[in-house]
Amino acid sequence: MLGVLLSIFASLLIGTSATMQKYSLRRIRKFRFRRIFSNRLWIISILIGASGTLMYLFAMRLSPIHIVQPIIAVSMLIPVILGNILFGEKIGNRWFHIIIIFIGVWLISV
């Protein structure tokens, strides 16, 4: 059970990290590595992603891969949902698909 909880939290952290990276890099007008590495929001997002990856590794030690991996795959939906909620990005009728994916992951992991 602890492995499942860790994998859910890891998924949230990894997805949040991807969202933060996208929006922190949006602020950079002209691409330069120096500007990226001096962007505090981007550095924080990398640290959040790294902590999510560590939680994922601990979850893999506590639960089987067939339970943890589908939950981690949901982390790719987190930026879509956060982009809609926080930044007003349009999802349209894709909410149905997102809900179906969550139900499928739940059914696989149970």
PDB file of N, CA and C in Angstrom:
ATOM      1  N   MET A   1       0.818  -1.198   0.000  1.00  0.00           N
ATOM      2  CA  MET A   1       0.000   0.000   0.000  1.00  0.00           C
ATOM      3  C   MET A   1       0.863   1.264   0.000  1.00  0.00           C
ATOM      4  N   LEU A   2       1.967   1.235   0.755  1.00  0.00           N
ATOM      5  CA  LEU A   2       2.853   2.392   0.798  1.00  0.00           C
ATOM      6  C   LEU A   2       3.479   2.647  -0.574  1.00  0.00           C
ATOM      7  N   GLY A   3       3.778   1.575  -1.300  1.00  0.00           N
ATOM      8  CA  GLY A   3       4.334   1.725  -2.646  1.00  0.00           C
ATOM      9  C   GLY A   3       3.364   2.412  -3.591  1.00  0.00           C
ATOM     10  N   VAL A   4       2.085   2.107  -3.454  1.00  0.00           N
ATOM     11  CA  VAL A   4       1.066   2.749  -4.285  1.00  0.00           C
ATOM     12  C   VAL A   4       0.964   4.231  -3.949  1.00  0.00           C
ATOM     13  N   LEU A   5       0.959   4.549  -2.676  1.00  0.00           N
ATOM     14  CA  LEU A   5       0.891   5.959  -2.268  1.00  0.00           C
ATOM     15  C   LEU A   5       2.127   6.729  -2.741  1.00  0.00           C
ATOM     16  N   LEU A   6       3.291   6.117  -2.622  1.00  0.00           N
ATOM     17  CA  LEU A   6       4.510   6.767  -3.104  1.00  0.00           C
ATOM     18  C   LEU A   6       4.472   6.973  -4.616  1.00  0.00           C
ATOM     19  N   SER A   7       3.957   5.991  -5.332  1.00  0.00           N
ATOM     20  CA  SER A   7       3.899   6.141  -6.787  1.00  0.00           C
ATOM     21  C   SER A   7       2.890   7.206  -7.209  1.00  0.00           C
ATOM     22  N   ILE A   8       1.793   7.355  -6.472  1.00  0.00           N
ATOM     23  CA  ILE A   8       0.829   8.426  -6.772  1.00  0.00           C
ATOM     24  C   ILE A   8       1.480   9.787  -6.535  1.00  0.00           C
ATOM     25  N   PHE A   9       2.155   9.922  -5.408  1.00  0.00           N
ATOM     26  CA  PHE A   9       2.814  11.187  -5.097  1.00  0.00           C
ATOM     27  C   PHE A   9       3.948  11.464  -6.086  1.00  0.00           C
ATOM     28  N   ALA A  10       4.696  10.419  -6.473  1.00  0.00           N
ATOM     29  CA  ALA A  10       5.770  10.583  -7.460  1.00  0.00           C
ATOM     30  C   ALA A  10       5.199  11.035  -8.797  1.00  0.00           C
ATOM     31  N   SER A  11       4.073  10.472  -9.187  1.00  0.00           N
ATOM     32  CA  SER A  11       3.427  10.873 -10.433  1.00  0.00           C
ATOM     33  C   SER A  11       3.021  12.342 -10.406  1.00  0.00           C
ATOM     34  N   LEU A  12       2.477  12.773  -9.283  1.00  0.00           N
ATOM     35  CA  LEU A  12       2.099  14.184  -9.143  1.00  0.00           C
ATOM     36  C   LEU A  12       3.322  15.101  -9.214  1.00  0.00           C
ATOM     37  N   LEU A  13       4.403  14.699  -8.569  1.00  0.00           N
ATOM     38  CA  LEU A  13       5.618  15.527  -8.589  1.00  0.00           C
ATOM     39  C   LEU A  13       6.235  15.588  -9.986  1.00  0.00           C
ATOM     40  N   ILE A  14       6.294  14.474 -10.668  1.00  0.00           N
ATOM     41  CA  ILE A  14       6.882  14.446 -12.009  1.00  0.00           C
ATOM     42  C   ILE A  14       6.040  15.266 -12.979  1.00  0.00           C
ATOM     43  N   GLY A  15       4.722  15.133 -12.901  1.00  0.00           N
ATOM     44  CA  GLY A  15       3.844  15.918 -13.765  1.00  0.00           C
ATOM     45  C   GLY A  15       3.897  17.405 -13.462  1.00  0.00           C
ATOM     46  N   THR A  16       3.955  17.746 -12.180  1.00  0.00           N
ATOM     47  CA  THR A  16       4.071  19.154 -11.787  1.00  0.00           C
ATOM     48  C   THR A  16       5.395  19.726 -12.270  1.00  0.00           C
ATOM     49  N   SER A  17       6.448  18.943 -12.177  1.00  0.00           N
ATOM     50  CA  SER A  17       7.760  19.375 -12.651  1.00  0.00           C
ATOM     51  C   SER A  17       7.720  19.701 -14.143  1.00  0.00           C
ATOM     52  N   ALA A  18       7.082  18.853 -14.931  1.00  0.00           N
ATOM     53  CA  ALA A  18       6.989  19.101 -16.380  1.00  0.00           C
ATOM     54  C   ALA A  18       6.213  20.380 -16.670  1.00  0.00           C
ATOM     55  N   THR A  19       5.139  20.614 -15.914  1.00  0.00           N
ATOM     56  CA  THR A  19       4.354  21.838 -16.098  1.00  0.00           C
ATOM     57  C   THR A  19       5.180  23.070 -15.752  1.00  0.00           C
ATOM     58  N   MET A  20       5.888  23.016 -14.644  1.00  0.00           N
ATOM     59  CA  MET A  20       6.710  24.149 -14.230  1.00  0.00           C
ATOM     60  C   MET A  20       7.833  24.424 -15.230  1.00  0.00           C
ATOM     61  N   GLN A  21       8.425  23.379 -15.782  1.00  0.00           N
ATOM     62  CA  GLN A  21       9.486  23.566 -16.769  1.00  0.00           C
ATOM     63  C   GLN A  21       8.948  24.262 -18.010  1.00  0.00           C
ATOM     64  N   LYS A  22       7.782  23.836 -18.446  1.00  0.00           N
ATOM     65  CA  LYS A  22       7.193  24.442 -19.644  1.00  0.00           C
ATOM     66  C   LYS A  22       6.963  25.939 -19.448  1.00  0.00           C
ATOM     67  N   TYR A  23       6.385  26.295 -18.339  1.00  0.00           N
ATOM     68  CA  TYR A  23       6.045  27.696 -18.127  1.00  0.00           C
ATOM     69  C   TYR A  23       7.236  28.536 -17.688  1.00  0.00           C
ATOM     70  N   SER A  24       8.240  27.928 -17.111  1.00  0.00           N
ATOM     71  CA  SER A  24       9.437  28.707 -16.781  1.00  0.00           C
ATOM     72  C   SER A  24      10.241  28.993 -18.052  1.00  0.00           C
ATOM     73  N   LEU A  25      10.256  28.066 -18.984  1.00  0.00           N
ATOM     74  CA  LEU A  25      10.993  28.285 -20.230  1.00  0.00           C
ATOM     75  C   LEU A  25      10.237  29.194 -21.190  1.00  0.00           C
ATOM     76  N   ARG A  26       8.937  29.340 -20.997  1.00  0.00           N
ATOM     77  CA  ARG A  26       8.155  30.265 -21.812  1.00  0.00           C
ATOM     78  C   ARG A  26       8.597  31.708 -21.602  1.00  0.00           C
ATOM     79  N   ARG A  27       9.093  32.009 -20.422  1.00  0.00           N
ATOM     80  CA  ARG A  27       9.510  33.372 -20.089  1.00  0.00           C
ATOM     81  C   ARG A  27      10.797  33.780 -20.808  1.00  0.00           C
ATOM     82  N   ILE A  28      11.579  32.805 -21.247  1.00  0.00           N
ATOM     83  CA  ILE A  28      12.854  33.099 -21.884  1.00  0.00           C
ATOM     84  C   ILE A  28      12.589  33.490 -23.334  1.00  0.00           C
ATOM     85  N   ARG A  29      12.945  34.696 -23.683  1.00  0.00           N
ATOM     86  CA  ARG A  29      12.680  35.205 -25.028  1.00  0.00           C
ATOM     87  C   ARG A  29      13.656  34.627 -26.052  1.00  0.00           C
ATOM     88  N   LYS A  30      14.929  34.630 -25.733  1.00  0.00           N
ATOM     89  CA  LYS A  30      15.931  34.107 -26.638  1.00  0.00           C
ATOM     90  C   LYS A  30      16.659  32.963 -25.939  1.00  0.00           C
ATOM     91  N   PHE A  31      16.737  31.827 -26.611  1.00  0.00           N
ATOM     92  CA  PHE A  31      17.294  30.628 -25.987  1.00  0.00           C
ATOM     93  C   PHE A  31      18.793  30.774 -25.742  1.00  0.00           C
ATOM     94  N   ARG A  32      19.162  30.644 -24.498  1.00  0.00           N
ATOM     95  CA  ARG A  32      20.563  30.593 -24.069  1.00  0.00           C
ATOM     96  C   ARG A  32      20.618  29.688 -22.844  1.00  0.00           C
ATOM     97  N   PHE A  33      21.622  28.804 -22.793  1.00  0.00           N
ATOM     98  CA  PHE A  33      21.742  27.904 -21.650  1.00  0.00           C
ATOM     99  C   PHE A  33      21.920  28.670 -20.345  1.00  0.00           C
ATOM    100  N   ARG A  34      22.630  29.770 -20.420  1.00  0.00           N
ATOM    101  CA  ARG A  34      22.854  30.576 -19.221  1.00  0.00           C
ATOM    102  C   ARG A  34      21.528  31.100 -18.663  1.00  0.00           C
ATOM    103  N   ARG A  35      20.617  31.478 -19.531  1.00  0.00           N
ATOM    104  CA  ARG A  35      19.316  31.974 -19.079  1.00  0.00           C
ATOM    105  C   ARG A  35      18.484  30.858 -18.452  1.00  0.00           C
ATOM    106  N   ILE A  36      18.607  29.673 -18.999  1.00  0.00           N
ATOM    107  CA  ILE A  36      17.852  28.545 -18.437  1.00  0.00           C
ATOM    108  C   ILE A  36      18.369  28.219 -17.041  1.00  0.00           C
ATOM    109  N   PHE A  37      19.682  28.098 -16.907  1.00  0.00           N
ATOM    110  CA  PHE A  37      20.252  27.705 -15.623  1.00  0.00           C
ATOM    111  C   PHE A  37      20.195  28.799 -14.573  1.00  0.00           C
ATOM    112  N   SER A  38      19.895  30.025 -14.979  1.00  0.00           N
ATOM    113  CA  SER A  38      19.715  31.098 -13.999  1.00  0.00           C
ATOM    114  C   SER A  38      18.239  31.322 -13.665  1.00  0.00           C
ATOM    115  N   ASN A  39      17.366  30.576 -14.313  1.00  0.00           N
ATOM    116  CA  ASN A  39      15.926  30.681 -14.068  1.00  0.00           C
ATOM    117  C   ASN A  39      15.576  29.869 -12.816  1.00  0.00           C
ATOM    118  N   ARG A  40      15.198  30.537 -11.742  1.00  0.00           N
ATOM    119  CA  ARG A  40      14.939  29.860 -10.460  1.00  0.00           C
ATOM    120  C   ARG A  40      13.773  28.888 -10.537  1.00  0.00           C
ATOM    121  N   LEU A  41      12.727  29.272 -11.260  1.00  0.00           N
ATOM    122  CA  LEU A  41      11.565  28.385 -11.384  1.00  0.00           C
ATOM    123  C   LEU A  41      11.952  27.090 -12.089  1.00  0.00           C
ATOM    124  N   TRP A  42      12.800  27.185 -13.103  1.00  0.00           N
ATOM    125  CA  TRP A  42      13.240  25.996 -13.811  1.00  0.00           C
ATOM    126  C   TRP A  42      14.076  25.104 -12.898  1.00  0.00           C
ATOM    127  N   ILE A  43      14.959  25.692 -12.111  1.00  0.00           N
ATOM    128  CA  ILE A  43      15.793  24.910 -11.185  1.00  0.00           C
ATOM    129  C   ILE A  43      14.921  24.217 -10.145  1.00  0.00           C
ATOM    130  N   ILE A  44      13.927  24.924  -9.619  1.00  0.00           N
ATOM    131  CA  ILE A  44      13.006  24.317  -8.651  1.00  0.00           C
ATOM    132  C   ILE A  44      12.244  23.164  -9.299  1.00  0.00           C
ATOM    133  N   SER A  45      11.828  23.349 -10.552  1.00  0.00           N
ATOM    134  CA  SER A  45      11.097  22.279 -11.234  1.00  0.00           C
ATOM    135  C   SER A  45      11.969  21.042 -11.427  1.00  0.00           C
ATOM    136  N   ILE A  46      13.254  21.229 -11.691  1.00  0.00           N
ATOM    137  CA  ILE A  46      14.170  20.090 -11.823  1.00  0.00           C
ATOM    138  C   ILE A  46      14.299  19.362 -10.490  1.00  0.00           C
ATOM    139  N   LEU A  47      14.391  20.118  -9.403  1.00  0.00           N
ATOM    140  CA  LEU A  47      14.482  19.500  -8.072  1.00  0.00           C
ATOM    141  C   LEU A  47      13.205  18.733  -7.724  1.00  0.00           C
ATOM    142  N   ILE A  48      12.050  19.285  -8.090  1.00  0.00           N
ATOM    143  CA  ILE A  48      10.780  18.589  -7.856  1.00  0.00           C
ATOM    144  C   ILE A  48      10.730  17.299  -8.671  1.00  0.00           C
ATOM    145  N   GLY A  49      11.168  17.363  -9.918  1.00  0.00           N
ATOM    146  CA  GLY A  49      11.202  16.159 -10.749  1.00  0.00           C
ATOM    147  C   GLY A  49      12.148  15.103 -10.210  1.00  0.00           C
ATOM    148  N   ALA A  50      13.287  15.544  -9.703  1.00  0.00           N
ATOM    149  CA  ALA A  50      14.256  14.598  -9.125  1.00  0.00           C
ATOM    150  C   ALA A  50      13.691  13.939  -7.873  1.00  0.00           C
ATOM    151  N   SER A  51      12.989  14.715  -7.046  1.00  0.00           N
ATOM    152  CA  SER A  51      12.383  14.109  -5.852  1.00  0.00           C
ATOM    153  C   SER A  51      11.268  13.135  -6.244  1.00  0.00           C
ATOM    154  N   GLY A  52      10.535  13.443  -7.307  1.00  0.00           N
ATOM    155  CA  GLY A  52       9.522  12.505  -7.806  1.00  0.00           C
ATOM    156  C   GLY A  52      10.147  11.222  -8.313  1.00  0.00           C
ATOM    157  N   THR A  53      11.288  11.341  -8.962  1.00  0.00           N
ATOM    158  CA  THR A  53      11.992  10.153  -9.449  1.00  0.00           C
ATOM    159  C   THR A  53      12.495   9.297  -8.290  1.00  0.00           C
ATOM    160  N   LEU A  54      12.993   9.932  -7.244  1.00  0.00           N
ATOM    161  CA  LEU A  54      13.420   9.177  -6.063  1.00  0.00           C
ATOM    162  C   LEU A  54      12.244   8.447  -5.417  1.00  0.00           C
ATOM    163  N   MET A  55      11.097   9.127  -5.327  1.00  0.00           N
ATOM    164  CA  MET A  55       9.910   8.457  -4.774  1.00  0.00           C
ATOM    165  C   MET A  55       9.490   7.280  -5.637  1.00  0.00           C
ATOM    166  N   TYR A  56       9.620   7.435  -6.951  1.00  0.00           N
ATOM    167  CA  TYR A  56       9.306   6.349  -7.874  1.00  0.00           C
ATOM    168  C   TYR A  56      10.199   5.143  -7.599  1.00  0.00           C
ATOM    169  N   LEU A  57      11.486   5.391  -7.382  1.00  0.00           N
ATOM    170  CA  LEU A  57      12.416   4.294  -7.098  1.00  0.00           C
ATOM    171  C   LEU A  57      12.065   3.593  -5.784  1.00  0.00           C
ATOM    172  N   PHE A  58      11.698   4.358  -4.762  1.00  0.00           N
ATOM    173  CA  PHE A  58      11.276   3.746  -3.501  1.00  0.00           C
ATOM    174  C   PHE A  58       9.978   2.955  -3.681  1.00  0.00           C
ATOM    175  N   ALA A  59       9.067   3.492  -4.479  1.00  0.00           N
ATOM    176  CA  ALA A  59       7.810   2.779  -4.734  1.00  0.00           C
ATOM    177  C   ALA A  59       8.075   1.454  -5.436  1.00  0.00           C
ATOM    178  N   MET A  60       9.053   1.439  -6.337  1.00  0.00           N
ATOM    179  CA  MET A  60       9.392   0.197  -7.038  1.00  0.00           C
ATOM    180  C   MET A  60       9.965  -0.851  -6.094  1.00  0.00           C
ATOM    181  N   ARG A  61      10.610  -0.409  -5.033  1.00  0.00           N
ATOM    182  CA  ARG A  61      11.141  -1.359  -4.050  1.00  0.00           C
ATOM    183  C   ARG A  61      10.034  -1.930  -3.161  1.00  0.00           C
ATOM    184  N   LEU A  62       8.952  -1.175  -3.006  1.00  0.00           N
ATOM    185  CA  LEU A  62       7.893  -1.590  -2.089  1.00  0.00           C
ATOM    186  C   LEU A  62       6.728  -2.302  -2.771  1.00  0.00           C
ATOM    187  N   SER A  63       6.539  -2.086  -4.055  1.00  0.00           N
ATOM    188  CA  SER A  63       5.407  -2.688  -4.773  1.00  0.00           C
ATOM    189  C   SER A  63       5.885  -3.235  -6.110  1.00  0.00           C
ATOM    190  N   PRO A  64       5.136  -4.179  -6.677  1.00  0.00           N
ATOM    191  CA  PRO A  64       5.529  -4.747  -7.972  1.00  0.00           C
ATOM    192  C   PRO A  64       5.407  -3.726  -9.104  1.00  0.00           C
ATOM    193  N   ILE A  65       6.160  -3.963 -10.162  1.00  0.00           N
ATOM    194  CA  ILE A  65       6.188  -3.021 -11.283  1.00  0.00           C
ATOM    195  C   ILE A  65       4.831  -2.914 -11.968  1.00  0.00           C
ATOM    196  N   HIS A  66       4.055  -3.996 -12.015  1.00  0.00           N
ATOM    197  CA  HIS A  66       2.768  -3.941 -12.702  1.00  0.00           C
ATOM    198  C   HIS A  66       1.751  -3.072 -11.961  1.00  0.00           C
ATOM    199  N   ILE A  67       2.040  -2.701 -10.744  1.00  0.00           N
ATOM    200  CA  ILE A  67       1.177  -1.782  -9.998  1.00  0.00           C
ATOM    201  C   ILE A  67       1.713  -0.360 -10.079  1.00  0.00           C
ATOM    202  N   VAL A  68       3.009  -0.194  -9.933  1.00  0.00           N
ATOM    203  CA  VAL A  68       3.610   1.144  -9.869  1.00  0.00           C
ATOM    204  C   VAL A  68       3.661   1.817 -11.243  1.00  0.00           C
ATOM    205  N   GLN A  69       4.056   1.091 -12.265  1.00  0.00           N
ATOM    206  CA  GLN A  69       4.296   1.707 -13.575  1.00  0.00           C
ATOM    207  C   GLN A  69       3.058   2.370 -14.190  1.00  0.00           C
ATOM    208  N   PRO A  70       1.873   1.754 -14.154  1.00  0.00           N
ATOM    209  CA  PRO A  70       0.711   2.459 -14.703  1.00  0.00           C
ATOM    210  C   PRO A  70       0.395   3.765 -13.969  1.00  0.00           C
ATOM    211  N   ILE A  71       0.631   3.783 -12.671  1.00  0.00           N
ATOM    212  CA  ILE A  71       0.372   5.004 -11.896  1.00  0.00           C
ATOM    213  C   ILE A  71       1.353   6.097 -12.302  1.00  0.00           C
ATOM    214  N   ILE A  72       2.603   5.729 -12.526  1.00  0.00           N
ATOM    215  CA  ILE A  72       3.601   6.703 -12.958  1.00  0.00           C
ATOM    216  C   ILE A  72       3.273   7.219 -14.360  1.00  0.00           C
ATOM    217  N   ALA A  73       2.691   6.380 -15.198  1.00  0.00           N
ATOM    218  CA  ALA A  73       2.328   6.815 -16.552  1.00  0.00           C
ATOM    219  C   ALA A  73       1.311   7.955 -16.531  1.00  0.00           C
ATOM    220  N   VAL A  74       0.529   8.043 -15.473  1.00  0.00           N
ATOM    221  CA  VAL A  74      -0.457   9.125 -15.343  1.00  0.00           C
ATOM    222  C   VAL A  74       0.238  10.480 -15.225  1.00  0.00           C
ATOM    223  N   SER A  75       1.511  10.489 -14.879  1.00  0.00           N
ATOM    224  CA  SER A  75       2.225  11.766 -14.739  1.00  0.00           C
ATOM    225  C   SER A  75       2.231  12.556 -16.040  1.00  0.00           C
ATOM    226  N   MET A  76       2.018  11.904 -17.169  1.00  0.00           N
ATOM    227  CA  MET A  76       1.952  12.625 -18.445  1.00  0.00           C
ATOM    228  C   MET A  76       0.631  13.367 -18.618  1.00  0.00           C
ATOM    229  N   LEU A  77      -0.372  13.010 -17.823  1.00  0.00           N
ATOM    230  CA  LEU A  77      -1.652  13.728 -17.878  1.00  0.00           C
ATOM    231  C   LEU A  77      -1.674  14.931 -16.949  1.00  0.00           C
ATOM    232  N   ILE A  78      -0.825  14.933 -15.956  1.00  0.00           N
ATOM    233  CA  ILE A  78      -0.807  16.017 -14.971  1.00  0.00           C
ATOM    234  C   ILE A  78      -0.554  17.376 -15.628  1.00  0.00           C
ATOM    235  N   PRO A  79       0.429  17.509 -16.551  1.00  0.00           N
ATOM    236  CA  PRO A  79       0.609  18.818 -17.191  1.00  0.00           C
ATOM    237  C   PRO A  79      -0.610  19.280 -17.991  1.00  0.00           C
ATOM    238  N   VAL A  80      -1.339  18.329 -18.563  1.00  0.00           N
ATOM    239  CA  VAL A  80      -2.549  18.690 -19.310  1.00  0.00           C
ATOM    240  C   VAL A  80      -3.591  19.271 -18.364  1.00  0.00           C
ATOM    241  N   ILE A  81      -3.783  18.607 -17.237  1.00  0.00           N
ATOM    242  CA  ILE A  81      -4.782  19.055 -16.268  1.00  0.00           C
ATOM    243  C   ILE A  81      -4.354  20.370 -15.619  1.00  0.00           C
ATOM    244  N   LEU A  82      -3.092  20.462 -15.187  1.00  0.00           N
ATOM    245  CA  LEU A  82      -2.610  21.698 -14.568  1.00  0.00           C
ATOM    246  C   LEU A  82      -2.614  22.862 -15.558  1.00  0.00           C
ATOM    247  N   GLY A  83      -2.277  22.585 -16.801  1.00  0.00           N
ATOM    248  CA  GLY A  83      -2.317  23.639 -17.824  1.00  0.00           C
ATOM    249  C   GLY A  83      -3.718  24.189 -18.000  1.00  0.00           C
ATOM    250  N   ASN A  84      -4.707  23.318 -17.917  1.00  0.00           N
ATOM    251  CA  ASN A  84      -6.097  23.771 -18.019  1.00  0.00           C
ATOM    252  C   ASN A  84      -6.531  24.559 -16.799  1.00  0.00           C
ATOM    253  N   ILE A  85      -6.199  24.065 -15.627  1.00  0.00           N
ATOM    254  CA  ILE A  85      -6.654  24.704 -14.380  1.00  0.00           C
ATOM    255  C   ILE A  85      -5.912  26.009 -14.117  1.00  0.00           C
ATOM    256  N   LEU A  86      -4.590  25.978 -14.219  1.00  0.00           N
ATOM    257  CA  LEU A  86      -3.789  27.136 -13.830  1.00  0.00           C
ATOM    258  C   LEU A  86      -3.606  28.168 -14.937  1.00  0.00           C
ATOM    259  N   PHE A  87      -3.544  27.717 -16.179  1.00  0.00           N
ATOM    260  CA  PHE A  87      -3.168  28.620 -17.259  1.00  0.00           C
ATOM    261  C   PHE A  87      -4.227  28.763 -18.342  1.00  0.00           C
ATOM    262  N   GLY A  88      -5.362  28.134 -18.161  1.00  0.00           N
ATOM    263  CA  GLY A  88      -6.464  28.304 -19.097  1.00  0.00           C
ATOM    264  C   GLY A  88      -6.274  27.656 -20.455  1.00  0.00           C
ATOM    265  N   GLU A  89      -5.390  26.678 -20.558  1.00  0.00           N
ATOM    266  CA  GLU A  89      -5.232  25.971 -21.826  1.00  0.00           C
ATOM    267  C   GLU A  89      -6.490  25.153 -22.105  1.00  0.00           C
ATOM    268  N   LYS A  90      -6.850  25.068 -23.347  1.00  0.00           N
ATOM    269  CA  LYS A  90      -8.084  24.392 -23.739  1.00  0.00           C
ATOM    270  C   LYS A  90      -7.874  22.880 -23.861  1.00  0.00           C
ATOM    271  N   ILE A  91      -8.765  22.140 -23.235  1.00  0.00           N
ATOM    272  CA  ILE A  91      -8.763  20.684 -23.373  1.00  0.00           C
ATOM    273  C   ILE A  91      -9.931  20.259 -24.261  1.00  0.00           C
ATOM    274  N   GLY A  92     -11.005  21.006 -24.197  1.00  0.00           N
ATOM    275  CA  GLY A  92     -12.166  20.688 -25.022  1.00  0.00           C
ATOM    276  C   GLY A  92     -12.854  19.424 -24.560  1.00  0.00           C
ATOM    277  N   ASN A  93     -13.185  18.571 -25.505  1.00  0.00           N
ATOM    278  CA  ASN A  93     -13.896  17.324 -25.167  1.00  0.00           C
ATOM    279  C   ASN A  93     -12.939  16.204 -24.780  1.00  0.00           C
ATOM    280  N   ARG A  94     -11.683  16.508 -24.530  1.00  0.00           N
ATOM    281  CA  ARG A  94     -10.710  15.489 -24.142  1.00  0.00           C
ATOM    282  C   ARG A  94     -10.812  15.088 -22.673  1.00  0.00           C
ATOM    283  N   TRP A  95     -11.646  15.774 -21.894  1.00  0.00           N
ATOM    284  CA  TRP A  95     -11.842  15.389 -20.489  1.00  0.00           C
ATOM    285  C   TRP A  95     -12.305  13.942 -20.391  1.00  0.00           C
ATOM    286  N   PHE A  96     -13.163  13.545 -21.314  1.00  0.00           N
ATOM    287  CA  PHE A  96     -13.659  12.168 -21.327  1.00  0.00           C
ATOM    288  C   PHE A  96     -12.494  11.191 -21.459  1.00  0.00           C
ATOM    289  N   HIS A  97     -11.560  11.484 -22.333  1.00  0.00           N
ATOM    290  CA  HIS A  97     -10.414  10.600 -22.554  1.00  0.00           C
ATOM    291  C   HIS A  97      -9.528  10.543 -21.316  1.00  0.00           C
ATOM    292  N   ILE A  98      -9.339  11.691 -20.662  1.00  0.00           N
ATOM    293  CA  ILE A  98      -8.524  11.738 -19.453  1.00  0.00           C
ATOM    294  C   ILE A  98      -9.155  10.897 -18.350  1.00  0.00           C
ATOM    295  N   ILE A  99     -10.458  11.001 -18.195  1.00  0.00           N
ATOM    296  CA  ILE A  99     -11.171  10.216 -17.179  1.00  0.00           C
ATOM    297  C   ILE A  99     -11.058   8.721 -17.482  1.00  0.00           C
ATOM    298  N   ILE A 100     -11.189   8.348 -18.746  1.00  0.00           N
ATOM    299  CA  ILE A 100     -11.070   6.940 -19.143  1.00  0.00           C
ATOM    300  C   ILE A 100      -9.667   6.410 -18.826  1.00  0.00           C
ATOM    301  N   ILE A 101      -8.639   7.218 -19.053  1.00  0.00           N
ATOM    302  CA  ILE A 101      -7.269   6.796 -18.738  1.00  0.00           C
ATOM    303  C   ILE A 101      -7.117   6.573 -17.237  1.00  0.00           C
ATOM    304  N   PHE A 102      -7.640   7.504 -16.422  1.00  0.00           N
ATOM    305  CA  PHE A 102      -7.572   7.329 -14.968  1.00  0.00           C
ATOM    306  C   PHE A 102      -8.305   6.061 -14.528  1.00  0.00           C
ATOM    307  N   ILE A 103      -9.457   5.800 -15.089  1.00  0.00           N
ATOM    308  CA  ILE A 103     -10.212   4.579 -14.742  1.00  0.00           C
ATOM    309  C   ILE A 103      -9.414   3.338 -15.151  1.00  0.00           C
ATOM    310  N   GLY A 104      -8.814   3.367 -16.334  1.00  0.00           N
ATOM    311  CA  GLY A 104      -8.012   2.231 -16.808  1.00  0.00           C
ATOM    312  C   GLY A 104      -6.816   1.969 -15.907  1.00  0.00           C
ATOM    313  N   VAL A 105      -6.141   3.029 -15.482  1.00  0.00           N
ATOM    314  CA  VAL A 105      -4.998   2.860 -14.587  1.00  0.00           C
ATOM    315  C   VAL A 105      -5.455   2.291 -13.250  1.00  0.00           C
ATOM    316  N   TRP A 106      -6.578   2.779 -12.769  1.00  0.00           N
ATOM    317  CA  TRP A 106      -7.107   2.264 -11.495  1.00  0.00           C
ATOM    318  C   TRP A 106      -7.436   0.779 -11.620  1.00  0.00           C
ATOM    319  N   LEU A 107      -8.070   0.379 -12.727  1.00  0.00           N
ATOM    320  CA  LEU A 107      -8.430  -1.030 -12.918  1.00  0.00           C
ATOM    321  C   LEU A 107      -7.192  -1.919 -13.046  1.00  0.00           C
ATOM    322  N   ILE A 108      -6.139  -1.418 -13.695  1.00  0.00           N
ATOM    323  CA  ILE A 108      -4.911  -2.203 -13.824  1.00  0.00           C
ATOM    324  C   ILE A 108      -4.213  -2.362 -12.486  1.00  0.00           C
ATOM    325  N   SER A 109      -4.244  -1.300 -11.682  1.00  0.00           N
ATOM    326  CA  SER A 109      -3.479  -1.296 -10.437  1.00  0.00           C
ATOM    327  C   SER A 109      -4.188  -1.980  -9.278  1.00  0.00           C
ATOM    328  N   VAL A 110      -5.459  -2.259  -9.408  1.00  0.00           N
ATOM    329  CA  VAL A 110      -6.199  -2.858  -8.292  1.00  0.00           C
ATOM    330  C   VAL A 110      -5.955  -4.348  -8.235  1.00  0.00           C
TER     331      VAL A 110
END
